[in-house]
């Protein structure tokens, strides 16, 4: 931190990732002309129009985010993928910096390089009360991402990620949903949050519950069931413990050889422990979902399940005929 700057400017810069806007000059005690001179001499650099970094080297992510926010103006917050990045829902920085500003804010005359601006009437309500740089709450970030998701599978993946990484809970997302008058896929989200609470924390688990287990009347499996083995604890995706039947879900089309052997060892360990294992992927949970339900239902009935499955609403469902 340069020692020739007023104390107010130093405090502001420390809070803003070493970025400062020219309109903050009166508060910071450094006028716009002084900022421009420092940038012209190479001591500072201009990151956005009217926004400077007080160093000449490559700016880090924090500085870039602050520069975009300062350029967007008061009440701007990081949102969508960039907020997801800040909340630990993304493992790499978002390609574009996404910022939401109040809907009443007049659009900027010029585009902000590298920044996507969105507008919302609820931005003041959805802003996190403490995070810096300013950012939407994690629950509202998830709902914002659901609004722009291309499919509901993609939408559910955000729910899974937020809950699975323990950034929030289904109940807190539900409360944020209640605060929104309009929401895409509202009914589906409410149902999906219930499934997530029950342990379906991946898209494949959601598909298994929604396409195979529930519509065909199968019993409810224990999700992420822990079993003890001599090599340690293992977790099974869907375990019908009473009947010794397990359904493992795998979204990888082609495994490296070492992973294939790992899966085989797991299945062999299950078989040694008296558990019949089915391994389903996207195809088995898609067009072949009724066939998959038939396999599971048959194994359950052979191992003592007293009830019977029923056909799903799909035309020509195989379940009733195959298990009768």
Protein backbone atom coordinates (compact mmCIF):
# COMPACT_ATOMS: atom_id res chain seq x y z
CA UNK A 1 0.00 0.00 0.00
CA UNK A 2 1.52 3.38 -1.02
CA UNK A 3 2.30 5.46 2.05
CA UNK A 4 1.78 8.77 0.24
CA UNK A 5 -1.98 8.25 0.05
CA UNK A 6 -4.38 9.67 2.64
CA UNK A 7 -5.49 7.23 5.33
CA UNK A 8 -9.04 7.26 4.00
CA UNK A 9 -7.79 6.19 0.57
CA UNK A 10 -5.68 3.40 2.05
CA UNK A 11 -8.66 2.02 4.00
CA UNK A 12 -10.86 2.15 0.91
CA UNK A 13 -8.26 0.45 -1.27
CA UNK A 14 -7.69 -2.29 1.30
CA UNK A 15 -11.42 -3.05 1.24
CA UNK A 16 -11.66 -2.96 -2.56
CA UNK A 17 -8.83 -5.21 -3.70
CA UNK A 18 -6.53 -2.20 -4.37
CA UNK A 19 -8.99 -0.77 -6.91
CA UNK A 20 -10.51 2.70 -6.76
CA UNK A 21 -12.99 4.64 -8.89
CA UNK A 22 -12.54 8.25 -9.86
CA UNK A 23 -15.94 9.14 -8.37
CA UNK A 24 -14.57 8.04 -4.96
CA UNK A 25 -11.93 10.75 -5.04
CA UNK A 26 -13.80 13.13 -2.76
CA UNK A 27 -14.20 10.45 -0.10
CA UNK A 28 -10.69 9.07 -0.48
CA UNK A 29 -8.88 12.38 -0.67
CA UNK A 30 -7.38 11.61 -4.10
CA UNK A 31 -8.89 13.58 -6.97
CA UNK A 32 -9.62 12.18 -10.45
CA UNK A 33 -6.78 14.22 -11.97
CA UNK A 34 -4.30 12.82 -9.46
CA UNK A 35 -5.48 9.30 -10.32
CA UNK A 36 -5.11 9.98 -14.03
CA UNK A 37 -1.58 11.36 -13.54
CA UNK A 38 -0.51 8.30 -11.57
CA UNK A 39 -1.87 6.04 -14.31
CA UNK A 40 -0.11 8.13 -16.97
CA UNK A 41 3.19 7.77 -15.16
CA UNK A 42 2.83 3.98 -15.02
CA UNK A 43 2.57 3.80 -11.24
CA UNK A 44 -1.13 2.98 -11.49
CA UNK A 45 -3.13 1.35 -14.29
CA UNK A 46 -6.64 1.85 -15.62
CA UNK A 47 -8.73 -1.34 -15.43
CA UNK A 48 -12.10 0.08 -16.48
CA UNK A 49 -13.22 3.52 -17.53
CA UNK A 50 -12.82 5.66 -14.43
CA UNK A 51 -11.46 2.74 -12.34
CA UNK A 52 -7.81 2.27 -11.44
CA UNK A 53 -5.55 -0.26 -9.74
CA UNK A 54 -2.78 1.28 -7.65
CA UNK A 55 -0.06 -0.99 -9.05
CA UNK A 56 1.39 -1.71 -12.48
CA UNK A 57 1.53 -5.52 -12.48
CA UNK A 58 -1.09 -8.04 -13.57
CA UNK A 59 -4.26 -7.61 -11.52
CA UNK A 60 -5.55 -10.58 -9.57
CA UNK A 61 -9.10 -11.90 -9.64
CA UNK A 62 -10.20 -9.89 -6.61
CA UNK A 63 -9.01 -6.64 -8.17
CA UNK A 64 -10.74 -7.41 -11.48
CA UNK A 65 -14.02 -8.14 -9.72
CA UNK A 66 -13.86 -4.90 -7.77
CA UNK A 67 -13.01 -2.93 -10.90
CA UNK A 68 -16.08 -4.34 -12.70
CA UNK A 69 -18.33 -3.57 -9.74
CA UNK A 70 -17.01 -0.02 -9.39
CA UNK A 71 -17.55 0.55 -13.11
CA UNK A 72 -21.12 -0.79 -12.88
CA UNK A 73 -21.93 1.69 -10.15
CA UNK A 74 -23.62 1.77 -6.70
CA UNK A 75 -25.69 -1.26 -5.58
CA UNK A 76 -24.07 -3.55 -8.18
CA UNK A 77 -23.43 -7.11 -6.97
CA UNK A 78 -21.69 -10.17 -8.35
CA UNK A 79 -24.29 -12.72 -9.40
CA UNK A 80 -24.97 -15.94 -11.33
CA UNK A 81 -21.77 -17.83 -12.32
CA UNK A 82 -19.48 -15.25 -10.73
CA UNK A 83 -21.39 -15.43 -7.45
CA UNK A 84 -21.24 -19.23 -7.73
CA UNK A 85 -17.48 -18.90 -8.03
CA UNK A 86 -17.35 -16.81 -4.85
CA UNK A 87 -19.52 -19.30 -2.94
CA UNK A 88 -17.38 -22.29 -3.97
CA UNK A 89 -19.91 -23.74 -6.40
CA UNK A 90 -17.47 -23.48 -9.31
CA UNK A 91 -13.96 -24.87 -9.32
CA UNK A 92 -12.59 -22.24 -11.75
CA UNK A 93 -13.28 -18.56 -12.38
CA UNK A 94 -16.27 -17.81 -14.57
CA UNK A 95 -15.41 -16.81 -18.13
CA UNK A 96 -17.46 -13.62 -17.92
CA UNK A 97 -17.89 -11.52 -14.81
CA UNK A 98 -21.64 -11.39 -14.22
CA UNK A 99 -23.06 -8.44 -12.30
CA UNK A 100 -26.64 -7.59 -11.38
CA UNK A 101 -27.76 -4.01 -10.87
CA UNK A 102 -31.15 -2.61 -9.82
CA UNK A 103 -33.70 -2.74 -12.62
CA UNK A 104 -34.33 0.98 -12.22
CA UNK A 105 -30.70 1.79 -12.97
CA UNK A 106 -30.22 3.43 -16.36
CA UNK A 107 -28.22 1.26 -18.75
CA UNK A 108 -24.60 2.27 -19.24
CA UNK A 109 -23.94 3.96 -22.58
CA UNK A 110 -20.97 1.75 -23.27
CA UNK A 111 -20.52 -1.96 -22.63
CA UNK A 112 -18.17 -2.99 -19.85
CA UNK A 113 -15.38 -5.19 -21.27
CA UNK A 114 -15.53 -8.75 -19.97
CA UNK A 115 -18.69 -8.08 -17.95
CA UNK A 116 -22.28 -9.26 -18.40
CA UNK A 117 -24.80 -6.90 -16.80
CA UNK A 118 -28.17 -8.21 -15.60
CA UNK A 119 -30.98 -6.22 -13.97
CA UNK A 120 -33.33 -7.19 -11.18
CA UNK A 121 -35.88 -5.52 -8.93
CA UNK A 122 -34.81 -7.84 -6.09
CA UNK A 123 -31.07 -7.19 -6.11
CA UNK A 124 -31.10 -5.29 -2.79
CA UNK A 125 -33.00 -8.15 -1.12
CA UNK A 126 -30.82 -10.92 -2.54
CA UNK A 127 -27.50 -9.25 -1.72
CA UNK A 128 -25.40 -11.01 0.92
CA UNK A 129 -25.27 -8.79 4.02
CA UNK A 130 -21.54 -9.18 4.66
CA UNK A 131 -19.60 -10.63 1.72
CA UNK A 132 -17.07 -8.49 -0.09
CA UNK A 133 -16.94 -7.94 -2.98
CA UNK A 134 -20.76 -7.53 -2.88
CA UNK A 135 -22.42 -10.74 -3.98
CA UNK A 136 -25.84 -12.41 -4.05
CA UNK A 137 -26.64 -14.86 -1.26
CA UNK A 138 -25.85 -18.47 -2.07
CA UNK A 139 -29.54 -19.48 -2.10
CA UNK A 140 -30.44 -16.69 -4.52
CA UNK A 141 -27.38 -17.48 -6.60
CA UNK A 142 -28.70 -21.03 -7.03
CA UNK A 143 -32.16 -19.75 -8.01
CA UNK A 144 -30.64 -17.23 -10.45
CA UNK A 145 -28.68 -20.03 -12.11
CA UNK A 146 -31.79 -22.21 -12.29
CA UNK A 147 -33.58 -19.38 -14.11
CA UNK A 148 -31.01 -19.46 -16.93
CA UNK A 149 -30.33 -23.24 -16.97
CA UNK A 150 -30.95 -24.85 -20.38
CA UNK A 151 -32.58 -27.96 -18.88
CA UNK A 152 -33.95 -29.01 -15.52
CA UNK A 153 -31.12 -31.52 -15.19
CA UNK A 154 -28.74 -28.56 -15.30
CA UNK A 155 -30.94 -26.71 -12.80
CA UNK A 156 -30.95 -29.65 -10.40
CA UNK A 157 -27.17 -29.92 -10.68
CA UNK A 158 -26.88 -26.48 -9.05
CA UNK A 159 -29.12 -27.61 -6.17
CA UNK A 160 -27.00 -30.74 -5.75
CA UNK A 161 -23.78 -28.78 -5.79
CA UNK A 162 -24.91 -26.18 -3.27
CA UNK A 163 -26.30 -28.72 -0.80
CA UNK A 164 -23.68 -31.39 -1.45
CA UNK A 165 -20.85 -28.94 -0.79
CA UNK A 166 -22.64 -27.77 2.36
CA UNK A 167 -22.95 -24.19 1.23
CA UNK A 168 -26.65 -24.11 2.09
CA UNK A 169 -29.64 -26.35 2.82
CA UNK A 170 -32.80 -27.32 0.99
CA UNK A 171 -34.85 -25.39 3.55
CA UNK A 172 -32.93 -22.18 2.98
CA UNK A 173 -33.30 -22.49 -0.79
CA UNK A 174 -37.02 -23.12 -0.24
CA UNK A 175 -37.34 -19.92 1.80
CA UNK A 176 -35.56 -17.93 -0.89
CA UNK A 177 -37.92 -19.47 -3.45
CA UNK A 178 -40.95 -18.40 -1.39
CA UNK A 179 -39.72 -14.80 -1.53
CA UNK A 180 -39.89 -14.77 -5.34
CA UNK A 181 -43.19 -14.00 -7.01
CA UNK A 182 -42.11 -15.50 -10.31
CA UNK A 183 -39.85 -18.51 -10.68
CA UNK A 184 -39.24 -20.89 -13.54
CA UNK A 185 -39.90 -24.57 -12.71
CA UNK A 186 -41.30 -23.65 -9.28
CA UNK A 187 -43.22 -26.91 -8.75
CA UNK A 188 -40.33 -29.03 -9.99
CA UNK A 189 -37.89 -27.18 -7.71
CA UNK A 190 -40.06 -27.78 -4.64
CA UNK A 191 -40.21 -31.51 -5.41
CA UNK A 192 -36.50 -31.62 -6.23
CA UNK A 193 -35.59 -29.97 -2.92
CA UNK A 194 -37.45 -32.75 -1.13
CA UNK A 195 -35.46 -35.35 -3.07
CA UNK A 196 -32.23 -33.53 -2.28
CA UNK A 197 -33.11 -33.54 1.43
CA UNK A 198 -33.58 -37.32 1.16
CA UNK A 199 -30.08 -37.72 -0.24
CA UNK A 200 -30.46 -37.55 -4.04
CA UNK A 201 -27.50 -35.23 -4.52
CA UNK A 202 -26.62 -35.82 -8.13
CA UNK A 203 -28.48 -35.59 -11.42
CA UNK A 204 -28.22 -39.35 -11.86
CA UNK A 205 -29.69 -39.97 -8.41
CA UNK A 206 -32.50 -37.55 -9.23
CA UNK A 207 -33.16 -39.37 -12.50
CA UNK A 208 -33.15 -42.74 -10.78
CA UNK A 209 -35.71 -41.59 -8.22
CA UNK A 210 -37.89 -39.74 -10.73
CA UNK A 211 -37.67 -42.09 -13.72
CA UNK A 212 -37.09 -45.56 -12.31
CA UNK A 213 -37.89 -46.01 -8.63
CA UNK A 214 -40.90 -43.78 -7.97
CA UNK A 215 -42.93 -44.09 -11.21
CA UNK A 216 -42.66 -47.90 -11.14
CA UNK A 217 -43.69 -48.26 -7.50
CA UNK A 218 -40.40 -49.63 -6.21
CA UNK A 219 -39.62 -49.31 -2.50
CA UNK A 220 -37.56 -46.30 -1.38
CA UNK A 221 -33.84 -47.01 -1.27
CA UNK A 222 -31.41 -45.59 1.25
CA UNK A 223 -29.30 -42.96 -0.52
CA UNK A 224 -25.54 -42.91 0.06
CA UNK A 225 -25.84 -45.83 2.43
CA UNK A 226 -22.76 -46.51 4.51
CA UNK A 227 -21.65 -50.11 4.85
CA UNK A 228 -18.69 -51.36 6.85
CA UNK A 229 -16.11 -53.65 5.27
CA UNK A 230 -12.75 -54.94 6.44
CA UNK A 231 -11.09 -52.32 4.19
CA UNK A 232 -13.14 -49.48 5.72
CA UNK A 233 -16.46 -47.74 5.15
CA UNK A 234 -18.04 -47.61 1.69
CA UNK A 235 -21.02 -45.66 0.43
CA UNK A 236 -23.58 -47.12 -1.95
CA UNK A 237 -25.72 -44.83 -4.11
CA UNK A 238 -29.03 -46.66 -3.58
CA UNK A 239 -29.28 -49.58 -1.17
CA UNK A 240 -32.38 -51.70 -0.57
CA UNK A 241 -30.81 -53.06 2.59
CA UNK A 242 -33.65 -55.36 3.64
CA UNK A 243 -33.45 -57.21 0.32
CA UNK A 244 -29.72 -57.03 -0.36
CA UNK A 245 -30.06 -55.11 -3.63
CA UNK A 246 -27.94 -52.12 -4.63
CA UNK A 247 -28.14 -49.70 -7.55
CA UNK A 248 -24.92 -47.84 -8.35
CA UNK A 249 -25.09 -44.85 -10.72
CA UNK A 250 -22.34 -43.95 -13.13
CA UNK A 251 -22.39 -41.02 -15.56
CA UNK A 252 -19.07 -41.81 -17.29
CA UNK A 253 -19.52 -43.30 -20.74
CA UNK A 254 -16.08 -44.87 -20.87
CA UNK A 255 -13.86 -45.47 -17.85
CA UNK A 256 -10.11 -45.62 -17.85
CA UNK A 257 -8.98 -49.16 -17.21
CA UNK A 258 -8.03 -48.52 -13.58
CA UNK A 259 -11.51 -47.16 -12.83
CA UNK A 260 -13.14 -50.16 -14.51
CA UNK A 261 -11.25 -52.46 -12.19
CA UNK A 262 -12.18 -50.29 -9.22
CA UNK A 263 -15.88 -50.63 -10.09
CA UNK A 264 -15.50 -54.38 -10.56
CA UNK A 265 -13.82 -54.70 -7.17
CA UNK A 266 -16.69 -52.78 -5.57
CA UNK A 267 -19.28 -54.98 -7.25
CA UNK A 268 -17.37 -58.12 -6.27
CA UNK A 269 -17.19 -56.90 -2.67
CA UNK A 270 -20.94 -56.33 -2.69
CA UNK A 271 -21.56 -59.80 -4.08
CA UNK A 272 -19.28 -61.30 -1.44
CA UNK A 273 -21.37 -59.49 1.15
CA UNK A 274 -24.59 -60.88 -0.29
CA UNK A 275 -25.64 -57.71 -2.13
CA UNK A 276 -26.74 -57.88 -5.76
CA UNK A 277 -25.49 -54.78 -7.59
CA UNK A 278 -26.90 -53.09 -10.68
CA UNK A 279 -24.86 -50.36 -12.36
CA UNK A 280 -26.85 -47.81 -14.36
CA UNK A 281 -25.76 -44.83 -16.45
CA UNK A 282 -27.53 -42.16 -18.48
CA UNK A 283 -28.85 -44.65 -21.06
CA UNK A 284 -30.32 -46.99 -18.43
CA UNK A 285 -32.00 -44.01 -16.74
CA UNK A 286 -33.22 -42.61 -20.06
CA UNK A 287 -34.74 -44.66 -22.86
CA UNK A 288 -34.16 -47.92 -20.98
CA UNK A 289 -35.60 -46.72 -17.67
CA UNK A 290 -38.49 -49.24 -17.74
CA UNK A 291 -36.06 -52.06 -18.48
CA UNK A 292 -33.89 -50.93 -15.56
CA UNK A 293 -36.93 -50.88 -13.26
CA UNK A 294 -37.70 -54.43 -14.37
CA UNK A 295 -34.25 -55.66 -13.37
CA UNK A 296 -34.44 -54.05 -9.94
CA UNK A 297 -38.04 -55.18 -9.31
CA UNK A 298 -37.25 -58.76 -10.26
CA UNK A 299 -34.24 -58.89 -7.93
CA UNK A 300 -36.27 -57.35 -5.08
CA UNK A 301 -39.10 -59.84 -5.47
CA UNK A 302 -36.69 -62.78 -5.63
CA UNK A 303 -35.24 -61.56 -2.32
CA UNK A 304 -38.49 -61.18 -0.46
CA UNK A 305 -40.11 -57.89 -1.50
CA UNK A 306 -43.79 -58.68 -0.93
CA UNK A 307 -45.27 -56.02 -3.22
CA UNK A 308 -45.30 -55.66 -6.99
CA UNK A 309 -44.16 -52.87 -9.28
CA UNK A 310 -46.56 -51.11 -11.61
CA UNK A 311 -46.12 -49.64 -15.09
CA UNK A 312 -45.16 -46.01 -15.42
CA UNK A 313 -47.16 -43.59 -17.60
CA UNK A 314 -44.90 -44.25 -20.60
CA UNK A 315 -46.59 -46.18 -23.45
CA UNK A 316 -45.75 -49.88 -23.54
CA UNK A 317 -43.95 -49.90 -20.19
CA UNK A 318 -42.31 -53.31 -19.73
CA UNK A 319 -42.50 -53.54 -15.96
CA UNK A 320 -45.88 -55.17 -15.36
CA UNK A 321 -45.43 -57.77 -18.09
CA UNK A 322 -41.86 -58.66 -17.17
CA UNK A 323 -42.52 -59.11 -13.44
CA UNK A 324 -45.92 -60.77 -13.59
